[in-house]
Amino acid sequence: MENEFDFDLESRENFKINPEVWLHTLLAIMGDKEKQDEAVRQIAQKTGLSPKETRLFIKTTIGILINQTRAN
C-alpha cells in the first residue's frame, strides 16, 4: 500500500503544512473514540511506537500546532 503522504525527501526544506488544517484534523480524530483508536493503531503499527507513546506523540503534536496557530 502506497503512503498518501510521501514527499520528495530532496525538497524537505520546502515541505510545509497548514498548521490550522492539521490541528482541526487531529482534534476531530482525537475527539472521536473510534477514529482515535484506528489512528493510534495505524500510527503505532507503522512507526513501532506503543499505543501509549503514539497518543503522547499526537497530544504533543496538537500542543505544538496550537502554539503555532496562536503565534500567527
PDB file of N, CA and C in Angstrom:
ATOM      1  N   MET A   1       0.842  -1.175   0.000  1.00  0.00           N
ATOM      2  CA  MET A   1       0.000   0.000   0.000  1.00  0.00           C
ATOM      3  C   MET A   1       0.892   1.244   0.000  1.00  0.00           C
ATOM      4  N   GLU A   2       0.628   2.155  -0.898  1.00  0.00           N
ATOM      5  CA  GLU A   2       1.439   3.355  -1.015  1.00  0.00           C
ATOM      6  C   GLU A   2       0.972   4.405  -0.014  1.00  0.00           C
ATOM      7  N   ASN A   3       1.927   5.088   0.585  1.00  0.00           N
ATOM      8  CA  ASN A   3       1.627   6.124   1.565  1.00  0.00           C
ATOM      9  C   ASN A   3       1.168   7.381   0.842  1.00  0.00           C
ATOM     10  N   GLU A   4       0.021   7.911   1.208  1.00  0.00           N
ATOM     11  CA  GLU A   4      -0.519   9.118   0.590  1.00  0.00           C
ATOM     12  C   GLU A   4       0.285  10.356   0.943  1.00  0.00           C
ATOM     13  N   PHE A   5       1.093  10.289   1.984  1.00  0.00           N
ATOM     14  CA  PHE A   5       1.792  11.460   2.469  1.00  0.00           C
ATOM     15  C   PHE A   5       3.266  11.464   2.111  1.00  0.00           C
ATOM     16  N   ASP A   6       3.665  10.609   1.164  1.00  0.00           N
ATOM     17  CA  ASP A   6       5.046  10.627   0.722  1.00  0.00           C
ATOM     18  C   ASP A   6       5.366  11.973   0.106  1.00  0.00           C
ATOM     19  N   PHE A   7       6.572  12.444   0.313  1.00  0.00           N
ATOM     20  CA  PHE A   7       7.010  13.669  -0.321  1.00  0.00           C
ATOM     21  C   PHE A   7       8.468  13.507  -0.688  1.00  0.00           C
ATOM     22  N   ASP A   8       8.923  14.334  -1.566  1.00  0.00           N
ATOM     23  CA  ASP A   8      10.278  14.272  -2.071  1.00  0.00           C
ATOM     24  C   ASP A   8      11.256  14.648  -0.962  1.00  0.00           C
ATOM     25  N   LEU A   9      12.047  13.688  -0.519  1.00  0.00           N
ATOM     26  CA  LEU A   9      12.987  13.949   0.561  1.00  0.00           C
ATOM     27  C   LEU A   9      14.061  14.955   0.159  1.00  0.00           C
ATOM     28  N   GLU A  10      14.286  15.105  -1.128  1.00  0.00           N
ATOM     29  CA  GLU A  10      15.265  16.073  -1.603  1.00  0.00           C
ATOM     30  C   GLU A  10      14.800  17.506  -1.358  1.00  0.00           C
ATOM     31  N   SER A  11      13.503  17.711  -1.260  1.00  0.00           N
ATOM     32  CA  SER A  11      12.995  19.067  -1.067  1.00  0.00           C
ATOM     33  C   SER A  11      12.313  19.221   0.294  1.00  0.00           C
ATOM     34  N   ARG A  12      12.829  18.522   1.296  1.00  0.00           N
ATOM     35  CA  ARG A  12      12.259  18.593   2.640  1.00  0.00           C
ATOM     36  C   ARG A  12      12.191  20.016   3.166  1.00  0.00           C
ATOM     37  N   GLU A  13      13.197  20.823   2.830  1.00  0.00           N
ATOM     38  CA  GLU A  13      13.238  22.191   3.319  1.00  0.00           C
ATOM     39  C   GLU A  13      12.030  22.988   2.834  1.00  0.00           C
ATOM     40  N   ASN A  14      11.481  22.603   1.679  1.00  0.00           N
ATOM     41  CA  ASN A  14      10.349  23.316   1.100  1.00  0.00           C
ATOM     42  C   ASN A  14       9.004  22.736   1.519  1.00  0.00           C
ATOM     43  N   PHE A  15       9.021  21.633   2.280  1.00  0.00           N
ATOM     44  CA  PHE A  15       7.788  20.970   2.688  1.00  0.00           C
ATOM     45  C   PHE A  15       7.146  21.767   3.819  1.00  0.00           C
ATOM     46  N   LYS A  16       5.926  22.197   3.619  1.00  0.00           N
ATOM     47  CA  LYS A  16       5.210  22.968   4.631  1.00  0.00           C
ATOM     48  C   LYS A  16       3.803  22.391   4.796  1.00  0.00           C
ATOM     49  N   ILE A  17       3.288  22.553   5.989  1.00  0.00           N
ATOM     50  CA  ILE A  17       1.908  22.151   6.246  1.00  0.00           C
ATOM     51  C   ILE A  17       1.126  23.383   6.654  1.00  0.00           C
ATOM     52  N   ASN A  18      -0.182  23.281   6.595  1.00  0.00           N
ATOM     53  CA  ASN A  18      -1.054  24.328   7.114  1.00  0.00           C
ATOM     54  C   ASN A  18      -1.385  23.909   8.548  1.00  0.00           C
ATOM     55  N   PRO A  19      -0.796  24.577   9.554  1.00  0.00           N
ATOM     56  CA  PRO A  19      -1.000  24.131  10.933  1.00  0.00           C
ATOM     57  C   PRO A  19      -2.452  24.160  11.385  1.00  0.00           C
ATOM     58  N   GLU A  20      -3.249  25.102  10.870  1.00  0.00           N
ATOM     59  CA  GLU A  20      -4.661  25.157  11.272  1.00  0.00           C
ATOM     60  C   GLU A  20      -5.428  23.944  10.767  1.00  0.00           C
ATOM     61  N   VAL A  21      -5.168  23.550   9.526  1.00  0.00           N
ATOM     62  CA  VAL A  21      -5.853  22.383   8.955  1.00  0.00           C
ATOM     63  C   VAL A  21      -5.450  21.120   9.708  1.00  0.00           C
ATOM     64  N   TRP A  22      -4.155  20.959   9.971  1.00  0.00           N
ATOM     65  CA  TRP A  22      -3.692  19.772  10.695  1.00  0.00           C
ATOM     66  C   TRP A  22      -4.246  19.758  12.116  1.00  0.00           C
ATOM     67  N   LEU A  23      -4.285  20.916  12.761  1.00  0.00           N
ATOM     68  CA  LEU A  23      -4.816  20.984  14.120  1.00  0.00           C
ATOM     69  C   LEU A  23      -6.284  20.577  14.141  1.00  0.00           C
ATOM     70  N   HIS A  24      -7.077  21.133  13.249  1.00  0.00           N
ATOM     71  CA  HIS A  24      -8.505  20.782  13.198  1.00  0.00           C
ATOM     72  C   HIS A  24      -8.686  19.295  12.919  1.00  0.00           C
ATOM     73  N   THR A  25      -7.875  18.754  12.023  1.00  0.00           N
ATOM     74  CA  THR A  25      -7.968  17.336  11.682  1.00  0.00           C
ATOM     75  C   THR A  25      -7.633  16.467  12.883  1.00  0.00           C
ATOM     76  N   LEU A  26      -6.514  16.763  13.543  1.00  0.00           N
ATOM     77  CA  LEU A  26      -6.126  15.959  14.709  1.00  0.00           C
ATOM     78  C   LEU A  26      -7.136  16.069  15.845  1.00  0.00           C
ATOM     79  N   LEU A  27      -7.667  17.266  16.058  1.00  0.00           N
ATOM     80  CA  LEU A  27      -8.676  17.423  17.104  1.00  0.00           C
ATOM     81  C   LEU A  27      -9.940  16.632  16.779  1.00  0.00           C
ATOM     82  N   ALA A  28     -10.324  16.617  15.507  1.00  0.00           N
ATOM     83  CA  ALA A  28     -11.503  15.845  15.095  1.00  0.00           C
ATOM     84  C   ALA A  28     -11.262  14.349  15.299  1.00  0.00           C
ATOM     85  N   ILE A  29     -10.083  13.897  14.928  1.00  0.00           N
ATOM     86  CA  ILE A  29      -9.754  12.471  15.091  1.00  0.00           C
ATOM     87  C   ILE A  29      -9.725  12.101  16.566  1.00  0.00           C
ATOM     88  N   MET A  30      -9.070  12.921  17.370  1.00  0.00           N
ATOM     89  CA  MET A  30      -8.937  12.594  18.791  1.00  0.00           C
ATOM     90  C   MET A  30     -10.257  12.752  19.543  1.00  0.00           C
ATOM     91  N   GLY A  31     -11.193  13.502  18.982  1.00  0.00           N
ATOM     92  CA  GLY A  31     -12.492  13.689  19.618  1.00  0.00           C
ATOM     93  C   GLY A  31     -13.481  12.574  19.317  1.00  0.00           C
ATOM     94  N   ASP A  32     -13.132  11.689  18.404  1.00  0.00           N
ATOM     95  CA  ASP A  32     -13.996  10.565  18.028  1.00  0.00           C
ATOM     96  C   ASP A  32     -13.283   9.285  18.449  1.00  0.00           C
ATOM     97  N   LYS A  33     -13.820   8.592  19.438  1.00  0.00           N
ATOM     98  CA  LYS A  33     -13.148   7.419  20.025  1.00  0.00           C
ATOM     99  C   LYS A  33     -12.775   6.374  18.982  1.00  0.00           C
ATOM    100  N   GLU A  34     -13.671   6.069  18.061  1.00  0.00           N
ATOM    101  CA  GLU A  34     -13.376   5.052  17.045  1.00  0.00           C
ATOM    102  C   GLU A  34     -12.267   5.503  16.108  1.00  0.00           C
ATOM    103  N   LYS A  35     -12.345   6.757  15.647  1.00  0.00           N
ATOM    104  CA  LYS A  35     -11.305   7.285  14.760  1.00  0.00           C
ATOM    105  C   LYS A  35      -9.969   7.372  15.496  1.00  0.00           C
ATOM    106  N   GLN A  36     -10.030   7.764  16.754  1.00  0.00           N
ATOM    107  CA  GLN A  36      -8.816   7.858  17.560  1.00  0.00           C
ATOM    108  C   GLN A  36      -8.139   6.501  17.685  1.00  0.00           C
ATOM    109  N   ASP A  37      -8.911   5.493  18.024  1.00  0.00           N
ATOM    110  CA  ASP A  37      -8.359   4.151  18.173  1.00  0.00           C
ATOM    111  C   ASP A  37      -7.743   3.650  16.873  1.00  0.00           C
ATOM    112  N   GLU A  38      -8.411   3.904  15.758  1.00  0.00           N
ATOM    113  CA  GLU A  38      -7.902   3.464  14.464  1.00  0.00           C
ATOM    114  C   GLU A  38      -6.628   4.219  14.094  1.00  0.00           C
ATOM    115  N   ALA A  39      -6.600   5.528  14.322  1.00  0.00           N
ATOM    116  CA  ALA A  39      -5.404   6.319  14.013  1.00  0.00           C
ATOM    117  C   ALA A  39      -4.229   5.863  14.877  1.00  0.00           C
ATOM    118  N   VAL A  40      -4.472   5.651  16.156  1.00  0.00           N
ATOM    119  CA  VAL A  40      -3.415   5.197  17.059  1.00  0.00           C
ATOM    120  C   VAL A  40      -2.909   3.830  16.615  1.00  0.00           C
ATOM    121  N   ARG A  41      -3.817   2.943  16.256  1.00  0.00           N
ATOM    122  CA  ARG A  41      -3.417   1.602  15.819  1.00  0.00           C
ATOM    123  C   ARG A  41      -2.528   1.688  14.578  1.00  0.00           C
ATOM    124  N   GLN A  42      -2.947   2.477  13.587  1.00  0.00           N
ATOM    125  CA  GLN A  42      -2.189   2.577  12.351  1.00  0.00           C
ATOM    126  C   GLN A  42      -0.826   3.233  12.560  1.00  0.00           C
ATOM    127  N   ILE A  43      -0.800   4.313  13.325  1.00  0.00           N
ATOM    128  CA  ILE A  43       0.469   5.004  13.567  1.00  0.00           C
ATOM    129  C   ILE A  43       1.414   4.098  14.352  1.00  0.00           C
ATOM    130  N   ALA A  44       0.906   3.433  15.379  1.00  0.00           N
ATOM    131  CA  ALA A  44       1.735   2.530  16.175  1.00  0.00           C
ATOM    132  C   ALA A  44       2.293   1.405  15.304  1.00  0.00           C
ATOM    133  N   GLN A  45       1.454   0.860  14.452  1.00  0.00           N
ATOM    134  CA  GLN A  45       1.884  -0.232  13.569  1.00  0.00           C
ATOM    135  C   GLN A  45       2.974   0.229  12.607  1.00  0.00           C
ATOM    136  N   LYS A  46       2.816   1.420  12.042  1.00  0.00           N
ATOM    137  CA  LYS A  46       3.764   1.897  11.033  1.00  0.00           C
ATOM    138  C   LYS A  46       5.046   2.463  11.636  1.00  0.00           C
ATOM    139  N   THR A  47       5.001   2.917  12.880  1.00  0.00           N
ATOM    140  CA  THR A  47       6.180   3.540  13.483  1.00  0.00           C
ATOM    141  C   THR A  47       6.903   2.651  14.480  1.00  0.00           C
ATOM    142  N   GLY A  48       6.213   1.638  14.992  1.00  0.00           N
ATOM    143  CA  GLY A  48       6.812   0.810  16.022  1.00  0.00           C
ATOM    144  C   GLY A  48       6.657   1.390  17.422  1.00  0.00           C
ATOM    145  N   LEU A  49       5.967   2.530  17.527  1.00  0.00           N
ATOM    146  CA  LEU A  49       5.685   3.106  18.842  1.00  0.00           C
ATOM    147  C   LEU A  49       4.581   2.305  19.513  1.00  0.00           C
ATOM    148  N   SER A  50       4.568   2.336  20.835  1.00  0.00           N
ATOM    149  CA  SER A  50       3.464   1.703  21.553  1.00  0.00           C
ATOM    150  C   SER A  50       2.239   2.609  21.418  1.00  0.00           C
ATOM    151  N   PRO A  51       1.041   2.081  21.656  1.00  0.00           N
ATOM    152  CA  PRO A  51      -0.145   2.935  21.628  1.00  0.00           C
ATOM    153  C   PRO A  51      -0.038   4.113  22.599  1.00  0.00           C
ATOM    154  N   LYS A  52       0.540   3.884  23.788  1.00  0.00           N
ATOM    155  CA  LYS A  52       0.704   4.961  24.762  1.00  0.00           C
ATOM    156  C   LYS A  52       1.645   6.037  24.205  1.00  0.00           C
ATOM    157  N   GLU A  53       2.756   5.626  23.606  1.00  0.00           N
ATOM    158  CA  GLU A  53       3.698   6.578  23.006  1.00  0.00           C
ATOM    159  C   GLU A  53       3.055   7.315  21.829  1.00  0.00           C
ATOM    160  N   THR A  54       2.238   6.607  21.078  1.00  0.00           N
ATOM    161  CA  THR A  54       1.563   7.218  19.937  1.00  0.00           C
ATOM    162  C   THR A  54       0.592   8.294  20.397  1.00  0.00           C
ATOM    163  N   ARG A  55      -0.184   8.005  21.432  1.00  0.00           N
ATOM    164  CA  ARG A  55      -1.114   9.011  21.969  1.00  0.00           C
ATOM    165  C   ARG A  55      -0.346  10.235  22.483  1.00  0.00           C
ATOM    166  N   LEU A  56       0.784  10.018  23.141  1.00  0.00           N
ATOM    167  CA  LEU A  56       1.608  11.131  23.610  1.00  0.00           C
ATOM    168  C   LEU A  56       2.142  11.936  22.426  1.00  0.00           C
ATOM    169  N   PHE A  57       2.567  11.247  21.376  1.00  0.00           N
ATOM    170  CA  PHE A  57       3.057  11.909  20.165  1.00  0.00           C
ATOM    171  C   PHE A  57       1.971  12.806  19.567  1.00  0.00           C
ATOM    172  N   ILE A  58       0.753  12.280  19.472  1.00  0.00           N
ATOM    173  CA  ILE A  58      -0.355  13.048  18.888  1.00  0.00           C
ATOM    174  C   ILE A  58      -0.680  14.256  19.780  1.00  0.00           C
ATOM    175  N   LYS A  59      -0.749  14.040  21.084  1.00  0.00           N
ATOM    176  CA  LYS A  59      -1.047  15.149  22.002  1.00  0.00           C
ATOM    177  C   LYS A  59       0.034  16.216  21.948  1.00  0.00           C
ATOM    178  N   THR A  60       1.288  15.804  21.855  1.00  0.00           N
ATOM    179  CA  THR A  60       2.391  16.758  21.743  1.00  0.00           C
ATOM    180  C   THR A  60       2.288  17.535  20.441  1.00  0.00           C
ATOM    181  N   THR A  61       1.970  16.844  19.359  1.00  0.00           N
ATOM    182  CA  THR A  61       1.807  17.498  18.063  1.00  0.00           C
ATOM    183  C   THR A  61       0.678  18.518  18.116  1.00  0.00           C
ATOM    184  N   ILE A  62      -0.428  18.166  18.748  1.00  0.00           N
ATOM    185  CA  ILE A  62      -1.546  19.102  18.899  1.00  0.00           C
ATOM    186  C   ILE A  62      -1.088  20.337  19.669  1.00  0.00           C
ATOM    187  N   GLY A  63      -0.334  20.155  20.732  1.00  0.00           N
ATOM    188  CA  GLY A  63       0.169  21.282  21.510  1.00  0.00           C
ATOM    189  C   GLY A  63       1.071  22.199  20.682  1.00  0.00           C
ATOM    190  N   ILE A  64       1.927  21.607  19.883  1.00  0.00           N
ATOM    191  CA  ILE A  64       2.810  22.400  19.021  1.00  0.00           C
ATOM    192  C   ILE A  64       1.995  23.174  18.000  1.00  0.00           C
ATOM    193  N   LEU A  65       1.002  22.514  17.400  1.00  0.00           N
ATOM    194  CA  LEU A  65       0.175  23.178  16.405  1.00  0.00           C
ATOM    195  C   LEU A  65      -0.659  24.301  17.022  1.00  0.00           C
ATOM    196  N   ILE A  66      -1.131  24.107  18.242  1.00  0.00           N
ATOM    197  CA  ILE A  66      -1.872  25.165  18.933  1.00  0.00           C
ATOM    198  C   ILE A  66      -0.976  26.386  19.111  1.00  0.00           C
ATOM    199  N   ASN A  67       0.245  26.161  19.544  1.00  0.00           N
ATOM    200  CA  ASN A  67       1.173  27.280  19.726  1.00  0.00           C
ATOM    201  C   ASN A  67       1.495  27.961  18.399  1.00  0.00           C
ATOM    202  N   GLN A  68       1.627  27.193  17.326  1.00  0.00           N
ATOM    203  CA  GLN A  68       1.897  27.794  16.018  1.00  0.00           C
ATOM    204  C   GLN A  68       0.719  28.628  15.530  1.00  0.00           C
ATOM    205  N   THR A  69      -0.485  28.137  15.723  1.00  0.00           N
ATOM    206  CA  THR A  69      -1.648  28.891  15.232  1.00  0.00           C
ATOM    207  C   THR A  69      -1.895  30.126  16.089  1.00  0.00           C
ATOM    208  N   ARG A  70      -1.544  30.080  17.357  1.00  0.00           N
ATOM    209  CA  ARG A  70      -1.683  31.263  18.220  1.00  0.00           C
ATOM    210  C   ARG A  70      -0.689  32.337  17.812  1.00  0.00           C
ATOM    211  N   ALA A  71       0.487  31.913  17.371  1.00  0.00           N
ATOM    212  CA  ALA A  71       1.550  32.850  17.004  1.00  0.00           C
ATOM    213  C   ALA A  71       1.227  33.593  15.709  1.00  0.00           C
ATOM    214  N   ASN A  72       0.357  32.984  14.885  1.00  0.00           N
ATOM    215  CA  ASN A  72       0.041  33.606  13.595  1.00  0.00           C
ATOM    216  C   ASN A  72      -0.970  34.660  13.744  1.00  0.00           C
TER     217      ASN A  72
END
